[in-house]
Amino acid sequence: MIMMMSNTALSYTGNVLIKNSLQNQKDLIVHCKSAHKDMGYHRVHPTGSYNLLYKLHYDSDFPYNENNHIWCHVWQGQGFKHHQVFNVYDGDHWEAKEDGIYHQWALMYVWDAAISKASSFGASCISLGLLLASSLFFSFIFPTLVV
């Protein structure tokens, strides 16, 4: 008897948690979707959470699967006028606060910003990268200059 095995895609359950930590008893609206599936709109009451469960595709030949790319829109405030959108990945924990959207403990997105203002940690990394790049540039241009 000959057994044949193929590299078929397996699927697992992905899990993302989005918590409402807004002040003044404000609700949060969450809308998550992928290129192929819309998970719908969900109202998250104060101190509540939205637990997004979705089919996570895995293929050993091609670990990245476009079906795993999911992004979420969130709205808050009077008339839900404050908005932000961000990508989510399996195992992520997000938290909506007054100043923006936090990933784990770091502020990642501020409300209504077209581009992430980044967290202080992220901004520090960018600043540090620019500082290192400029230091390398000047040490290359002026090798005899002692700073």
N, C-alpha and C. Protein backbone atom coordinates (compact mmCIF):
# COMPACT_ATOMS: atom_id res chain seq x y z
N MET A 1 0.84 -1.18 0.00
CA MET A 1 0.00 0.00 0.00
C MET A 1 0.89 1.24 0.00
N ILE A 2 0.60 2.16 -0.84
CA ILE A 2 1.35 3.41 -0.95
C ILE A 2 0.51 4.53 -0.36
N MET A 3 1.14 5.28 0.55
CA MET A 3 0.45 6.43 1.13
C MET A 3 1.01 7.69 0.51
N MET A 4 0.14 8.56 0.13
CA MET A 4 0.58 9.83 -0.45
C MET A 4 0.16 10.95 0.48
N MET A 5 1.08 11.87 0.65
CA MET A 5 0.77 13.03 1.48
C MET A 5 0.92 14.27 0.61
N SER A 6 0.06 15.20 0.80
CA SER A 6 0.17 16.44 0.04
C SER A 6 0.29 17.60 1.02
N ASN A 7 0.80 18.68 0.51
CA ASN A 7 0.91 19.90 1.32
C ASN A 7 -0.38 20.69 1.18
N THR A 8 -1.35 20.32 1.94
CA THR A 8 -2.61 21.05 1.88
C THR A 8 -2.62 22.11 2.96
N ALA A 9 -3.40 23.12 2.72
CA ALA A 9 -3.50 24.21 3.70
C ALA A 9 -4.32 23.74 4.89
N LEU A 10 -3.84 24.02 6.07
CA LEU A 10 -4.56 23.72 7.30
C LEU A 10 -5.17 25.01 7.80
N SER A 11 -6.22 24.90 8.57
CA SER A 11 -6.79 26.12 9.13
C SER A 11 -6.93 25.97 10.64
N TYR A 12 -6.72 27.07 11.32
CA TYR A 12 -6.82 27.15 12.77
C TYR A 12 -7.67 28.37 13.09
N THR A 13 -7.96 28.55 14.35
CA THR A 13 -8.73 29.71 14.75
C THR A 13 -7.79 30.82 15.21
N GLY A 14 -7.91 31.98 14.58
CA GLY A 14 -7.17 33.16 15.00
C GLY A 14 -7.99 33.89 16.06
N ASN A 15 -7.32 34.64 16.91
CA ASN A 15 -7.99 35.30 18.02
C ASN A 15 -7.37 36.67 18.24
N VAL A 16 -8.21 37.71 18.20
CA VAL A 16 -7.78 39.08 18.47
C VAL A 16 -8.75 39.68 19.48
N LEU A 17 -8.21 40.36 20.48
CA LEU A 17 -9.04 40.97 21.51
C LEU A 17 -8.93 42.49 21.41
N ILE A 18 -10.08 43.17 21.38
CA ILE A 18 -10.11 44.64 21.35
C ILE A 18 -10.95 45.08 22.54
N LYS A 19 -10.32 45.81 23.47
CA LYS A 19 -10.97 46.22 24.72
C LYS A 19 -11.35 47.69 24.68
N ASN A 20 -12.50 48.01 25.25
CA ASN A 20 -12.97 49.39 25.36
C ASN A 20 -12.59 49.94 26.73
N SER A 21 -11.59 50.82 26.77
CA SER A 21 -11.19 51.48 28.01
C SER A 21 -11.42 52.99 27.91
N LEU A 22 -12.42 53.38 27.11
CA LEU A 22 -12.76 54.80 26.98
C LEU A 22 -13.41 55.30 28.26
N GLN A 23 -13.23 56.59 28.53
CA GLN A 23 -13.81 57.20 29.72
C GLN A 23 -15.24 57.67 29.45
N ASN A 24 -15.91 58.07 30.49
CA ASN A 24 -17.24 58.69 30.42
C ASN A 24 -18.30 57.79 29.78
N GLN A 25 -18.20 56.50 30.03
CA GLN A 25 -19.22 55.55 29.58
C GLN A 25 -19.47 55.57 28.07
N LYS A 26 -18.40 55.76 27.28
CA LYS A 26 -18.55 55.79 25.82
C LYS A 26 -18.45 54.39 25.23
N ASP A 27 -19.34 54.12 24.28
CA ASP A 27 -19.26 52.87 23.54
C ASP A 27 -18.22 52.98 22.44
N LEU A 28 -17.77 51.83 21.97
CA LEU A 28 -16.81 51.72 20.88
C LEU A 28 -17.47 50.88 19.79
N ILE A 29 -17.34 51.30 18.55
CA ILE A 29 -17.83 50.51 17.42
C ILE A 29 -16.61 49.88 16.75
N VAL A 30 -16.66 48.57 16.52
CA VAL A 30 -15.56 47.83 15.90
C VAL A 30 -16.08 47.16 14.64
N HIS A 31 -15.33 47.29 13.55
CA HIS A 31 -15.66 46.63 12.29
C HIS A 31 -14.39 46.03 11.71
N CYS A 32 -14.28 44.71 11.73
CA CYS A 32 -13.08 44.03 11.21
C CYS A 32 -13.43 43.28 9.94
N LYS A 33 -12.43 43.19 9.05
CA LYS A 33 -12.65 42.47 7.80
C LYS A 33 -11.33 42.04 7.19
N SER A 34 -11.42 41.09 6.28
CA SER A 34 -10.28 40.67 5.48
C SER A 34 -10.64 40.94 4.02
N ALA A 35 -9.78 40.56 3.12
CA ALA A 35 -10.07 40.75 1.70
C ALA A 35 -11.27 39.92 1.27
N HIS A 36 -11.56 38.84 2.01
CA HIS A 36 -12.60 37.92 1.59
C HIS A 36 -13.78 37.80 2.55
N LYS A 37 -13.66 38.38 3.73
CA LYS A 37 -14.73 38.21 4.71
C LYS A 37 -14.92 39.47 5.54
N ASP A 38 -16.17 39.84 5.72
CA ASP A 38 -16.54 40.97 6.56
C ASP A 38 -17.09 40.41 7.87
N MET A 39 -16.46 40.77 8.99
CA MET A 39 -16.88 40.23 10.29
C MET A 39 -18.01 41.04 10.92
N GLY A 40 -18.47 42.09 10.27
CA GLY A 40 -19.59 42.86 10.75
C GLY A 40 -19.22 43.95 11.75
N TYR A 41 -20.22 44.74 12.11
CA TYR A 41 -20.06 45.83 13.07
C TYR A 41 -20.46 45.34 14.46
N HIS A 42 -19.69 45.75 15.46
CA HIS A 42 -19.95 45.33 16.83
C HIS A 42 -19.83 46.53 17.76
N ARG A 43 -20.82 46.68 18.64
CA ARG A 43 -20.79 47.74 19.65
C ARG A 43 -20.20 47.15 20.93
N VAL A 44 -19.13 47.79 21.41
CA VAL A 44 -18.47 47.32 22.63
C VAL A 44 -18.75 48.34 23.73
N HIS A 45 -19.45 47.91 24.74
CA HIS A 45 -19.82 48.79 25.84
C HIS A 45 -18.61 49.08 26.72
N PRO A 46 -18.69 50.14 27.57
CA PRO A 46 -17.57 50.50 28.44
C PRO A 46 -17.06 49.31 29.26
N THR A 47 -15.78 49.18 29.33
CA THR A 47 -15.03 48.11 30.00
C THR A 47 -15.22 46.73 29.36
N GLY A 48 -15.98 46.69 28.27
CA GLY A 48 -16.18 45.42 27.58
C GLY A 48 -15.10 45.16 26.54
N SER A 49 -15.18 43.99 25.92
CA SER A 49 -14.20 43.61 24.91
C SER A 49 -14.90 42.94 23.74
N TYR A 50 -14.28 43.05 22.58
CA TYR A 50 -14.71 42.31 21.40
C TYR A 50 -13.64 41.27 21.12
N ASN A 51 -14.04 40.01 21.09
CA ASN A 51 -13.12 38.92 20.83
C ASN A 51 -13.36 38.43 19.40
N LEU A 52 -12.46 38.78 18.51
CA LEU A 52 -12.57 38.41 17.11
C LEU A 52 -11.98 37.01 16.92
N LEU A 53 -12.81 36.08 16.51
CA LEU A 53 -12.36 34.73 16.17
C LEU A 53 -12.52 34.56 14.67
N TYR A 54 -11.50 34.08 14.01
CA TYR A 54 -11.57 33.93 12.56
C TYR A 54 -10.72 32.74 12.13
N LYS A 55 -11.02 32.25 10.93
CA LYS A 55 -10.27 31.12 10.41
C LYS A 55 -8.90 31.59 9.97
N LEU A 56 -7.88 31.00 10.55
CA LEU A 56 -6.49 31.34 10.26
C LEU A 56 -5.94 30.26 9.34
N HIS A 57 -5.53 30.64 8.15
CA HIS A 57 -5.04 29.68 7.16
C HIS A 57 -3.53 29.54 7.27
N TYR A 58 -3.07 28.33 7.13
CA TYR A 58 -1.64 28.07 7.17
C TYR A 58 -1.30 27.09 6.06
N ASP A 59 -0.28 27.41 5.31
CA ASP A 59 0.21 26.54 4.24
C ASP A 59 1.71 26.41 4.43
N SER A 60 2.19 25.20 4.61
CA SER A 60 3.62 25.00 4.88
C SER A 60 4.50 25.46 3.73
N ASP A 61 3.98 25.46 2.51
CA ASP A 61 4.77 25.93 1.37
C ASP A 61 4.79 27.45 1.27
N PHE A 62 3.77 28.09 1.80
CA PHE A 62 3.66 29.54 1.69
C PHE A 62 3.01 30.05 2.97
N PRO A 63 3.83 30.28 4.03
CA PRO A 63 3.28 30.60 5.35
C PRO A 63 2.40 31.85 5.38
N TYR A 64 2.72 32.87 4.56
CA TYR A 64 1.86 34.05 4.56
C TYR A 64 0.67 33.78 3.66
N ASN A 65 -0.50 34.00 4.16
CA ASN A 65 -1.71 33.78 3.39
C ASN A 65 -2.52 35.06 3.45
N GLU A 66 -2.92 35.55 2.29
CA GLU A 66 -3.65 36.82 2.26
C GLU A 66 -4.96 36.76 3.04
N ASN A 67 -5.50 35.56 3.22
CA ASN A 67 -6.72 35.43 4.01
C ASN A 67 -6.49 35.75 5.48
N ASN A 68 -5.23 35.74 5.91
CA ASN A 68 -4.91 36.06 7.30
C ASN A 68 -4.75 37.56 7.53
N HIS A 69 -4.74 38.36 6.46
CA HIS A 69 -4.59 39.81 6.60
C HIS A 69 -5.94 40.40 6.98
N ILE A 70 -6.03 40.86 8.20
CA ILE A 70 -7.28 41.42 8.72
C ILE A 70 -7.01 42.81 9.27
N TRP A 71 -7.92 43.72 9.03
CA TRP A 71 -7.80 45.06 9.59
C TRP A 71 -9.12 45.41 10.26
N CYS A 72 -9.02 46.30 11.23
CA CYS A 72 -10.20 46.71 11.99
C CYS A 72 -10.32 48.23 11.97
N HIS A 73 -11.55 48.68 11.83
CA HIS A 73 -11.91 50.09 11.99
C HIS A 73 -12.55 50.21 13.37
N VAL A 74 -12.25 51.29 14.07
CA VAL A 74 -12.91 51.56 15.35
C VAL A 74 -13.36 53.02 15.37
N TRP A 75 -14.51 53.26 16.00
CA TRP A 75 -15.06 54.61 16.13
C TRP A 75 -15.46 54.83 17.57
N GLN A 76 -15.35 56.09 18.01
CA GLN A 76 -15.78 56.46 19.36
C GLN A 76 -16.12 57.93 19.39
N GLY A 77 -16.70 58.36 20.49
CA GLY A 77 -17.01 59.77 20.68
C GLY A 77 -18.44 60.11 20.31
N GLN A 78 -18.78 61.38 20.49
CA GLN A 78 -20.12 61.88 20.18
C GLN A 78 -20.44 61.58 18.72
N GLY A 79 -21.46 60.80 18.47
CA GLY A 79 -21.83 60.44 17.10
C GLY A 79 -20.81 59.53 16.43
N PHE A 80 -19.92 58.94 17.20
CA PHE A 80 -18.86 58.05 16.69
C PHE A 80 -18.06 58.71 15.58
N LYS A 81 -17.70 59.98 15.81
CA LYS A 81 -16.98 60.74 14.78
C LYS A 81 -15.48 60.49 14.79
N HIS A 82 -14.92 59.98 15.88
CA HIS A 82 -13.47 59.74 15.93
C HIS A 82 -13.19 58.32 15.44
N HIS A 83 -12.24 58.21 14.54
CA HIS A 83 -12.03 56.96 13.82
C HIS A 83 -10.55 56.59 13.75
N GLN A 84 -10.28 55.30 13.63
CA GLN A 84 -8.93 54.81 13.35
C GLN A 84 -9.06 53.43 12.71
N VAL A 85 -8.06 53.07 11.91
CA VAL A 85 -8.01 51.75 11.28
C VAL A 85 -6.61 51.18 11.46
N PHE A 86 -6.52 49.88 11.69
CA PHE A 86 -5.22 49.25 11.93
C PHE A 86 -5.29 47.77 11.58
N ASN A 87 -4.14 47.19 11.26
CA ASN A 87 -4.03 45.76 10.97
C ASN A 87 -3.97 44.98 12.27
N VAL A 88 -4.56 43.79 12.26
CA VAL A 88 -4.50 42.92 13.43
C VAL A 88 -3.95 41.55 13.03
N TYR A 89 -3.34 40.89 13.98
CA TYR A 89 -2.76 39.58 13.75
C TYR A 89 -3.15 38.65 14.89
N ASP A 90 -3.11 37.36 14.64
CA ASP A 90 -3.49 36.37 15.63
C ASP A 90 -2.75 36.60 16.95
N GLY A 91 -3.49 36.60 18.03
CA GLY A 91 -2.89 36.77 19.36
C GLY A 91 -2.78 38.21 19.81
N ASP A 92 -3.14 39.16 18.95
CA ASP A 92 -3.04 40.57 19.32
C ASP A 92 -4.03 40.94 20.42
N HIS A 93 -3.61 41.89 21.25
CA HIS A 93 -4.48 42.49 22.26
C HIS A 93 -4.43 44.00 22.04
N TRP A 94 -5.57 44.60 21.73
CA TRP A 94 -5.67 46.03 21.47
C TRP A 94 -6.58 46.65 22.52
N GLU A 95 -6.35 47.94 22.78
CA GLU A 95 -7.17 48.64 23.77
C GLU A 95 -7.43 50.06 23.29
N ALA A 96 -8.70 50.44 23.26
CA ALA A 96 -9.09 51.80 22.88
C ALA A 96 -9.15 52.66 24.13
N LYS A 97 -8.37 53.75 24.12
CA LYS A 97 -8.37 54.71 25.23
C LYS A 97 -8.65 56.09 24.66
N GLU A 98 -8.75 57.07 25.52
CA GLU A 98 -9.08 58.43 25.10
C GLU A 98 -8.07 59.01 24.11
N ASP A 99 -6.80 58.70 24.27
CA ASP A 99 -5.78 59.30 23.40
C ASP A 99 -5.49 58.46 22.16
N GLY A 100 -6.00 57.23 22.09
CA GLY A 100 -5.77 56.44 20.89
C GLY A 100 -5.88 54.95 21.13
N ILE A 101 -5.29 54.20 20.20
CA ILE A 101 -5.35 52.75 20.21
C ILE A 101 -4.02 52.19 20.68
N TYR A 102 -4.07 51.34 21.67
CA TYR A 102 -2.87 50.74 22.25
C TYR A 102 -2.74 49.29 21.81
N HIS A 103 -1.53 48.89 21.50
CA HIS A 103 -1.20 47.48 21.26
C HIS A 103 -0.37 47.04 22.44
N GLN A 104 -0.88 46.06 23.17
CA GLN A 104 -0.30 45.67 24.46
C GLN A 104 -0.30 46.90 25.35
N TRP A 105 0.82 47.49 25.64
CA TRP A 105 0.89 48.65 26.54
C TRP A 105 1.30 49.93 25.82
N ALA A 106 1.61 49.86 24.53
CA ALA A 106 2.16 51.01 23.81
C ALA A 106 1.11 51.69 22.94
N LEU A 107 1.06 53.01 22.99
CA LEU A 107 0.18 53.79 22.12
C LEU A 107 0.69 53.66 20.69
N MET A 108 -0.16 53.13 19.81
CA MET A 108 0.24 52.91 18.42
C MET A 108 -0.43 53.86 17.45
N TYR A 109 -1.68 54.21 17.69
CA TYR A 109 -2.44 55.06 16.77
C TYR A 109 -3.23 56.09 17.58
N VAL A 110 -3.19 57.34 17.15
CA VAL A 110 -4.04 58.35 17.77
C VAL A 110 -5.32 58.46 16.96
N TRP A 111 -6.37 58.93 17.59
CA TRP A 111 -7.65 59.06 16.91
C TRP A 111 -7.56 60.03 15.75
N ASP A 112 -8.20 59.70 14.66
CA ASP A 112 -8.37 60.55 13.48
C ASP A 112 -7.08 60.84 12.72
N ALA A 113 -5.98 60.22 13.05
CA ALA A 113 -4.72 60.46 12.33
C ALA A 113 -4.69 59.58 11.09
N ALA A 114 -4.29 60.17 9.96
CA ALA A 114 -4.19 59.40 8.72
C ALA A 114 -3.07 58.39 8.80
N ILE A 115 -1.99 58.74 9.47
CA ILE A 115 -0.84 57.85 9.65
C ILE A 115 -0.58 57.75 11.14
N SER A 116 -0.14 56.60 11.55
CA SER A 116 0.15 56.40 12.97
C SER A 116 1.11 57.45 13.48
N LYS A 117 0.79 58.03 14.60
CA LYS A 117 1.72 58.94 15.26
C LYS A 117 2.76 58.12 16.01
N ALA A 118 2.55 56.83 16.02
CA ALA A 118 3.42 55.86 16.69
C ALA A 118 3.43 56.10 18.19
N SER A 119 3.82 55.10 18.86
CA SER A 119 3.93 55.22 20.31
C SER A 119 5.20 55.96 20.65
N SER A 120 5.33 56.33 21.89
CA SER A 120 6.57 56.97 22.29
C SER A 120 7.72 55.99 22.08
N PHE A 121 7.45 54.70 22.26
CA PHE A 121 8.47 53.68 22.01
C PHE A 121 8.81 53.65 20.52
N GLY A 122 7.76 53.63 19.67
CA GLY A 122 8.00 53.60 18.23
C GLY A 122 8.69 54.86 17.75
N ALA A 123 8.25 56.01 18.25
CA ALA A 123 8.88 57.27 17.87
C ALA A 123 10.32 57.30 18.33
N SER A 124 10.59 56.75 19.51
CA SER A 124 11.96 56.70 20.01
C SER A 124 12.83 55.83 19.12
N CYS A 125 12.27 54.71 18.66
CA CYS A 125 13.03 53.83 17.76
C CYS A 125 13.35 54.54 16.46
N ILE A 126 12.38 55.28 15.92
CA ILE A 126 12.61 56.02 14.68
C ILE A 126 13.67 57.09 14.92
N SER A 127 13.56 57.83 16.01
CA SER A 127 14.54 58.87 16.32
C SER A 127 15.92 58.28 16.51
N LEU A 128 16.00 57.15 17.20
CA LEU A 128 17.28 56.48 17.41
C LEU A 128 17.86 56.03 16.08
N GLY A 129 17.02 55.50 15.20
CA GLY A 129 17.48 55.08 13.88
C GLY A 129 18.03 56.24 13.09
N LEU A 130 17.35 57.38 13.13
CA LEU A 130 17.82 58.57 12.42
C LEU A 130 19.13 59.07 13.01
N LEU A 131 19.24 59.03 14.33
CA LEU A 131 20.46 59.46 15.00
C LEU A 131 21.63 58.57 14.59
N LEU A 132 21.42 57.26 14.59
CA LEU A 132 22.48 56.33 14.20
C LEU A 132 22.86 56.52 12.74
N ALA A 133 21.86 56.71 11.87
CA ALA A 133 22.14 56.91 10.45
C ALA A 133 22.94 58.18 10.22
N SER A 134 22.56 59.27 10.91
CA SER A 134 23.30 60.52 10.73
C SER A 134 24.70 60.40 11.31
N SER A 135 24.86 59.67 12.41
CA SER A 135 26.20 59.46 12.97
C SER A 135 27.09 58.71 12.01
N LEU A 136 26.54 57.66 11.39
CA LEU A 136 27.31 56.90 10.41
C LEU A 136 27.66 57.76 9.20
N PHE A 137 26.70 58.57 8.76
CA PHE A 137 26.94 59.44 7.62
C PHE A 137 28.08 60.41 7.90
N PHE A 138 28.02 61.07 9.06
CA PHE A 138 29.06 62.04 9.38
C PHE A 138 30.41 61.38 9.66
N SER A 139 30.41 60.20 10.23
CA SER A 139 31.69 59.52 10.46
C SER A 139 32.31 59.07 9.14
N PHE A 140 31.47 58.81 8.14
CA PHE A 140 31.97 58.44 6.83
C PHE A 140 32.49 59.67 6.08
N ILE A 141 31.76 60.78 6.16
CA ILE A 141 32.14 62.02 5.47
C ILE A 141 33.33 62.68 6.15
N PHE A 142 33.32 62.72 7.46
CA PHE A 142 34.39 63.37 8.22
C PHE A 142 35.06 62.36 9.15
N PRO A 143 35.86 61.43 8.61
CA PRO A 143 36.41 60.36 9.45
C PRO A 143 37.39 60.86 10.51
N THR A 144 38.00 62.00 10.30
CA THR A 144 39.00 62.48 11.27
C THR A 144 38.38 63.37 12.34
N LEU A 145 37.13 63.74 12.16
CA LEU A 145 36.46 64.59 13.14
C LEU A 145 36.13 63.79 14.39
N VAL A 146 36.62 64.25 15.52
CA VAL A 146 36.34 63.57 16.79
C VAL A 146 35.19 64.30 17.46
N VAL A 147 34.18 63.57 17.80
CA VAL A 147 33.01 64.18 18.43
C VAL A 147 33.02 63.89 19.90
